Amino acid sequence: MTKRTSVSRSLCFALLLAVAFCLPGQTAVLAEEGQWDQRFQTQIGEWKNSIVGQDPQFANWRDARIDVQTLGANQHQWLVSLTQGSKQVGYMVVGEVPSTESKPTFVLLEYGLGEYILFDDTFAPREIAAEPVYDGFASHWLVSLPKEQQVVDAKTGERYLSTTRAEAPVIFSLQEQDLAVPGQKLVAARIIHAEEVNPFDNISWFAPLVQAQAPERAVTWEDLWQKKAEDITLAVSLYHSEVLSPFSVGSLHMWNENKSYIGVWDEGLRFLPYAYANKVGKFHIRKPASEKSSLSE
């Protein structure tokens, strides 16, 4: 399935406004649509400017054009692509969740840098019956074939085995306090690797996953932020533990009220909430050689 051409909700609103003159009683509905669209566009702009202002890696976002498309019917999730000229430079995934206020609130589920965004045309399966399903690292197209369904990775286009089955989305288990919401800004960034790192260049992260020993103390956000680690790897178990995906951590972002996001290298740099990453994966910190030698003396 080729990704639908992005059409902003503002364009849809303009078309509905023209119809309103012929359909009495629709004015209130259209006004509400217009208010929603304005809130949505304003929030995207605020998050975009906040990220650009704190992290120099996002400089290409500054003057980027914004396009929006929905992710699945009735999912209350939107893929926001950012384009500069004819080249994609990044994306956001924005959700809408119930709030203590009268209206639902927007939440920032994921954002990233690079030419290849989630559900990109370059990697999209060509079958007609392919449904986009968003769930962080487990985001995929679900392809309906004559006798089975196949899972295709939404970031890389990798086709998993026919036995691979999606799990209940973990991203839905996050609470509002785990995510950036309107009124919050990116306040600090830490760059660990400005260039992409292959997690298989050093596989010291693998042994703790398979060795039969007492579990190590969980790596906290403070460990990641404060320690001057040489490398940080996040090993993620997906699809009922059938797929193991290691990611090299490139950056860390801190938002207001201790909202934290992990930036990993995956066909570009993608940021997901620390609360989500901590649920689906295990962090491994490789300390600098100088620190190791001092400990052994």
Protein backbone atom coordinates (compact mmCIF):
# COMPACT_ATOMS: atom_id res chain seq x y z
CA MET A 1 0.00 0.00 0.00
CA THR A 2 1.37 3.39 -0.91
CA LYS A 3 1.03 5.93 1.82
CA ARG A 4 -1.83 8.33 1.19
CA THR A 5 -0.88 11.85 0.17
CA SER A 6 -0.84 14.00 3.30
CA VAL A 7 -3.81 16.36 3.51
CA SER A 8 -4.05 18.80 6.36
CA ARG A 9 -7.18 19.00 8.43
CA SER A 10 -7.29 22.72 7.61
CA LEU A 11 -7.93 21.90 3.95
CA CYS A 12 -10.74 19.55 4.93
CA PHE A 13 -12.18 22.30 7.11
CA ALA A 14 -12.16 24.75 4.19
CA LEU A 15 -14.12 22.31 2.03
CA LEU A 16 -16.64 21.68 4.79
CA LEU A 17 -17.08 25.41 5.27
CA ALA A 18 -18.15 25.78 1.66
CA VAL A 19 -20.74 23.05 2.13
CA ALA A 20 -22.10 24.67 5.30
CA PHE A 21 -23.96 27.32 3.36
CA CYS A 22 -26.06 24.56 1.82
CA LEU A 23 -26.56 22.53 5.03
CA PRO A 24 -28.23 24.51 7.83
CA GLY A 25 -27.32 23.43 11.37
CA GLN A 26 -23.72 22.50 10.53
CA THR A 27 -22.17 25.80 11.65
CA ALA A 28 -21.50 24.67 15.24
CA VAL A 29 -19.87 21.43 14.07
CA LEU A 30 -17.65 23.28 11.62
CA ALA A 31 -16.67 25.83 14.25
CA GLU A 32 -15.59 23.00 16.56
CA GLU A 33 -13.60 21.44 13.71
CA GLY A 34 -11.89 24.76 13.14
CA GLN A 35 -11.00 25.14 16.80
CA TRP A 36 -9.57 21.61 16.91
CA ASP A 37 -7.51 22.27 13.80
CA GLN A 38 -6.16 25.51 15.22
CA ARG A 39 -5.19 23.86 18.52
CA PHE A 40 -3.53 20.98 16.69
CA GLN A 41 -1.48 23.16 14.32
CA THR A 42 -0.48 25.51 17.14
CA GLN A 43 0.69 22.62 19.33
CA ILE A 44 2.76 21.06 16.57
CA GLY A 45 4.43 24.41 15.97
CA GLU A 46 5.21 24.89 19.67
CA TRP A 47 6.78 21.46 20.04
CA LYS A 48 8.74 21.91 16.82
CA ASN A 49 10.16 25.28 17.89
CA SER A 50 11.00 23.98 21.36
CA ILE A 51 12.99 21.05 19.98
CA VAL A 52 14.82 23.23 17.44
CA GLY A 53 15.73 25.71 20.18
CA GLN A 54 17.39 23.13 22.45
CA ASP A 55 18.97 20.54 20.15
CA PRO A 56 21.24 21.72 17.27
CA GLN A 57 20.76 18.38 15.52
CA PHE A 58 17.23 19.55 14.61
CA ALA A 59 18.35 22.69 12.73
CA ASN A 60 16.70 21.43 9.51
CA TRP A 61 13.33 21.50 11.26
CA ARG A 62 13.36 25.29 11.60
CA ASP A 63 11.84 26.16 8.22
CA ALA A 64 10.38 22.76 7.39
CA ARG A 65 6.93 22.37 5.85
CA ILE A 66 4.42 20.37 7.91
CA ASP A 67 2.03 17.75 6.52
CA VAL A 68 -0.37 15.61 8.53
CA GLN A 69 -2.04 12.24 7.99
CA THR A 70 -4.04 10.00 10.28
CA LEU A 71 -2.68 6.66 11.50
CA GLY A 72 -5.56 4.20 11.22
CA ALA A 73 -9.27 4.82 11.59
CA ASN A 74 -10.48 6.10 14.98
CA GLN A 75 -7.02 5.71 16.56
CA HIS A 76 -6.62 9.38 17.51
CA GLN A 77 -3.03 9.32 16.26
CA TRP A 78 -1.45 11.49 13.57
CA LEU A 79 1.81 11.27 11.65
CA VAL A 80 3.31 14.72 11.15
CA SER A 81 5.99 14.79 8.45
CA LEU A 82 8.45 17.68 8.14
CA THR A 83 9.86 18.46 4.71
CA GLN A 84 12.45 20.94 3.51
CA GLY A 85 12.28 21.41 -0.24
CA SER A 86 11.69 17.94 -1.67
CA LYS A 87 13.46 16.15 1.18
CA GLN A 88 11.95 14.79 4.37
CA VAL A 89 13.87 15.88 7.45
CA GLY A 90 11.84 14.37 10.28
CA TYR A 91 8.49 13.52 11.79
CA MET A 92 6.32 13.52 14.91
CA VAL A 93 3.65 11.10 16.07
CA VAL A 94 0.95 12.96 18.00
CA GLY A 95 -1.83 11.30 19.96
CA GLU A 96 -4.97 12.51 21.68
CA VAL A 97 -5.87 11.11 25.09
CA PRO A 98 -8.61 11.74 27.69
CA SER A 99 -7.82 14.55 30.09
CA THR A 100 -9.08 15.81 33.42
CA GLU A 101 -10.24 18.87 31.50
CA SER A 102 -13.37 18.94 29.37
CA LYS A 103 -11.49 18.27 26.12
CA PRO A 104 -8.93 15.57 25.22
CA THR A 105 -5.31 16.65 25.29
CA PHE A 106 -2.54 16.15 22.74
CA VAL A 107 0.51 14.07 23.66
CA LEU A 108 3.85 13.68 21.89
CA LEU A 109 4.30 9.94 21.37
CA GLU A 110 7.43 10.02 19.21
CA TYR A 111 9.56 12.31 17.07
CA GLY A 112 12.58 11.81 14.89
CA LEU A 113 15.21 13.10 12.50
CA GLY A 114 16.21 11.87 9.09
CA GLU A 115 15.10 11.29 5.54
CA TYR A 116 13.15 8.12 6.30
CA ILE A 117 10.19 8.66 8.58
CA LEU A 118 7.75 6.13 10.01
CA PHE A 119 5.44 4.55 7.41
CA ASP A 120 7.61 5.99 4.65
CA ASP A 121 6.77 5.45 0.97
CA THR A 122 10.28 4.11 0.39
CA PHE A 123 9.68 1.09 2.62
CA ALA A 124 5.91 0.68 2.27
CA PRO A 125 4.60 -2.74 1.18
CA ARG A 126 2.91 -2.65 -2.21
CA GLU A 127 0.00 -4.89 -1.30
CA ILE A 128 -3.36 -3.15 -1.36
CA ALA A 129 -4.57 -4.46 2.00
CA ALA A 130 -1.87 -3.07 4.30
CA GLU A 131 -2.94 -1.35 7.52
CA PRO A 132 -0.61 1.02 9.43
CA VAL A 133 -0.39 0.14 13.14
CA TYR A 134 1.51 2.45 15.50
CA ASP A 135 3.15 1.05 18.65
CA GLY A 136 6.58 2.63 19.14
CA PHE A 137 9.35 0.20 18.17
CA ALA A 138 6.70 -2.36 17.18
CA SER A 139 5.06 -0.02 14.65
CA HIS A 140 4.24 -1.94 11.51
CA TRP A 141 2.10 -2.43 8.46
CA LEU A 142 -0.25 -5.38 8.82
CA VAL A 143 -0.49 -6.93 5.36
CA SER A 144 -3.48 -9.15 4.60
CA LEU A 145 -2.51 -11.96 2.23
CA PRO A 146 -4.86 -14.64 0.83
CA LYS A 147 -4.03 -17.19 3.55
CA GLU A 148 -2.24 -15.22 6.27
CA GLN A 149 -1.20 -11.83 7.58
CA GLN A 150 2.34 -10.51 7.48
CA VAL A 151 4.01 -7.91 9.70
CA VAL A 152 6.24 -5.34 7.95
CA ASP A 153 8.40 -2.99 10.05
CA ALA A 154 7.19 0.62 9.71
CA LYS A 155 10.68 2.14 9.95
CA THR A 156 12.82 -0.17 7.82
CA GLY A 157 10.37 -2.12 5.67
CA GLU A 158 11.72 -5.44 6.99
CA ARG A 159 9.27 -8.30 6.42
CA TYR A 160 9.08 -10.54 9.44
CA LEU A 161 8.34 -14.27 9.34
CA SER A 162 4.80 -15.37 8.60
CA THR A 163 4.60 -16.68 12.18
CA THR A 164 5.20 -13.21 13.63
CA ARG A 165 2.16 -11.88 15.47
CA ALA A 166 1.65 -8.40 16.86
CA GLU A 167 1.07 -7.91 20.58
CA ALA A 168 -1.35 -5.59 22.34
CA PRO A 169 0.11 -2.09 21.87
CA VAL A 170 2.33 -1.14 24.80
CA ILE A 171 2.23 2.53 23.87
CA PHE A 172 -1.40 2.67 25.03
CA SER A 173 -0.31 1.75 28.57
CA LEU A 174 1.54 5.07 29.01
CA GLN A 175 0.00 7.72 31.21
CA GLU A 176 -0.24 11.43 30.54
CA GLN A 177 2.54 12.02 33.09
CA ASP A 178 4.93 9.97 30.92
CA LEU A 179 4.49 12.17 27.84
CA ALA A 180 5.06 15.75 26.72
CA VAL A 181 1.75 17.63 26.66
CA PRO A 182 0.69 21.17 25.67
CA GLY A 183 2.48 23.87 27.63
CA GLN A 184 5.64 21.81 28.13
CA LYS A 185 8.97 22.45 26.43
CA LEU A 186 12.25 20.68 25.82
CA VAL A 187 14.59 22.13 28.45
CA ALA A 188 17.81 20.09 28.07
CA ALA A 189 19.49 17.75 25.61
CA ARG A 190 22.50 15.46 25.90
CA ILE A 191 24.17 14.20 22.72
CA ILE A 192 26.00 10.89 23.18
CA HIS A 193 26.68 9.99 19.54
CA ALA A 194 26.09 12.62 16.86
CA GLU A 195 26.68 10.01 14.16
CA GLU A 196 24.94 6.68 13.75
CA VAL A 197 26.51 3.79 15.67
CA ASN A 198 25.99 0.12 14.86
CA PRO A 199 25.07 -1.73 18.10
CA PHE A 200 26.75 -4.86 16.70
CA ASP A 201 30.14 -3.15 16.66
CA ASN A 202 30.33 -4.04 20.34
CA ILE A 203 28.01 -6.77 21.63
CA SER A 204 28.76 -6.52 25.35
CA TRP A 205 25.02 -5.78 25.76
CA PHE A 206 24.14 -9.29 24.61
CA ALA A 207 25.70 -11.40 27.37
CA PRO A 208 23.57 -10.01 30.23
CA LEU A 209 20.45 -10.89 28.26
CA VAL A 210 21.26 -14.60 27.97
CA GLN A 211 23.41 -15.39 31.01
CA ALA A 212 21.66 -17.28 33.81
CA GLN A 213 22.53 -15.01 36.69
CA ALA A 214 20.85 -12.71 39.17
CA PRO A 215 19.29 -9.76 37.33
CA GLU A 216 21.30 -6.57 37.36
CA ARG A 217 19.96 -3.39 38.89
CA ALA A 218 17.71 -1.67 36.39
CA VAL A 219 19.27 1.31 34.63
CA THR A 220 17.45 4.45 35.69
CA TRP A 221 17.03 7.74 33.83
CA GLU A 222 19.52 9.30 36.27
CA ASP A 223 22.08 6.65 35.29
CA LEU A 224 21.64 7.50 31.63
CA TRP A 225 21.71 11.26 32.11
CA GLN A 226 24.52 11.60 34.66
CA LYS A 227 27.01 8.88 33.78
CA LYS A 228 29.54 9.63 31.06
CA ALA A 229 29.04 6.35 29.27
CA GLU A 230 31.02 5.47 26.19
CA ASP A 231 28.05 3.61 24.71
CA ILE A 232 24.45 2.95 25.71
CA THR A 233 22.47 0.20 24.03
CA LEU A 234 18.77 -0.49 24.32
CA ALA A 235 17.85 -4.12 23.53
CA VAL A 236 14.13 -4.42 22.75
CA SER A 237 12.12 -7.64 22.68
CA LEU A 238 9.22 -7.49 20.20
CA TYR A 239 6.38 -9.64 18.89
CA HIS A 240 6.13 -12.15 21.74
CA SER A 241 9.95 -12.20 22.08
CA GLU A 242 10.35 -13.47 18.51
CA VAL A 243 12.33 -10.39 17.44
CA LEU A 244 15.28 -8.90 19.36
CA SER A 245 16.20 -5.41 18.19
CA PRO A 246 19.22 -3.61 19.68
CA PHE A 247 19.43 0.17 19.28
CA SER A 248 22.38 2.45 19.96
CA VAL A 249 21.33 5.44 22.07
CA GLY A 250 22.39 8.68 20.39
CA SER A 251 20.74 11.42 22.47
CA LEU A 252 18.69 12.13 25.59
CA HIS A 253 15.99 14.79 25.91
CA MET A 254 14.53 16.24 29.09
CA TRP A 255 11.18 18.08 29.01
CA ASN A 256 9.38 20.06 31.70
CA GLU A 257 8.25 18.12 34.76
CA ASN A 258 10.85 15.39 34.20
CA LYS A 259 9.31 14.11 30.98
CA SER A 260 12.22 12.20 29.40
CA TYR A 261 12.75 10.83 25.88
CA ILE A 262 15.38 8.43 24.54
CA GLY A 263 16.88 9.07 21.09
CA VAL A 264 18.09 5.92 19.31
CA TRP A 265 19.63 5.37 15.89
CA ASP A 266 17.24 3.54 13.56
CA GLU A 267 17.39 4.69 9.91
CA GLY A 268 17.74 8.15 11.42
CA LEU A 269 17.39 9.36 15.00
CA ARG A 270 14.07 8.57 16.71
CA PHE A 271 12.94 9.68 20.16
CA LEU A 272 10.49 7.74 22.32
CA PRO A 273 9.43 8.20 25.96
CA TYR A 274 11.82 6.71 28.51
CA ALA A 275 8.79 5.19 30.28
CA TYR A 276 7.96 3.25 27.11
CA ALA A 277 11.56 2.22 26.36
CA ASN A 278 11.96 0.96 29.92
CA LYS A 279 8.89 -1.27 29.50
CA VAL A 280 9.87 -2.93 26.23
CA GLY A 281 13.65 -3.04 26.49
CA LYS A 282 16.75 -3.30 28.64
CA PHE A 283 19.50 -0.67 28.78
CA HIS A 284 23.17 -1.59 28.84
CA ILE A 285 25.84 0.99 29.67
CA ARG A 286 29.38 0.33 28.47
CA LYS A 287 31.77 2.33 30.61
CA PRO A 288 34.91 4.01 29.27
CA ALA A 289 38.07 1.86 29.37
CA SER A 290 39.74 4.30 31.80
CA GLU A 291 36.95 3.83 34.31
CA LYS A 292 37.14 0.04 33.98
CA SER A 293 40.91 0.00 34.59
CA SER A 294 40.63 2.23 37.65
CA LEU A 295 38.06 -0.11 39.15
CA SER A 296 40.30 -3.14 38.64
CA GLU A 297 43.30 -1.58 40.37
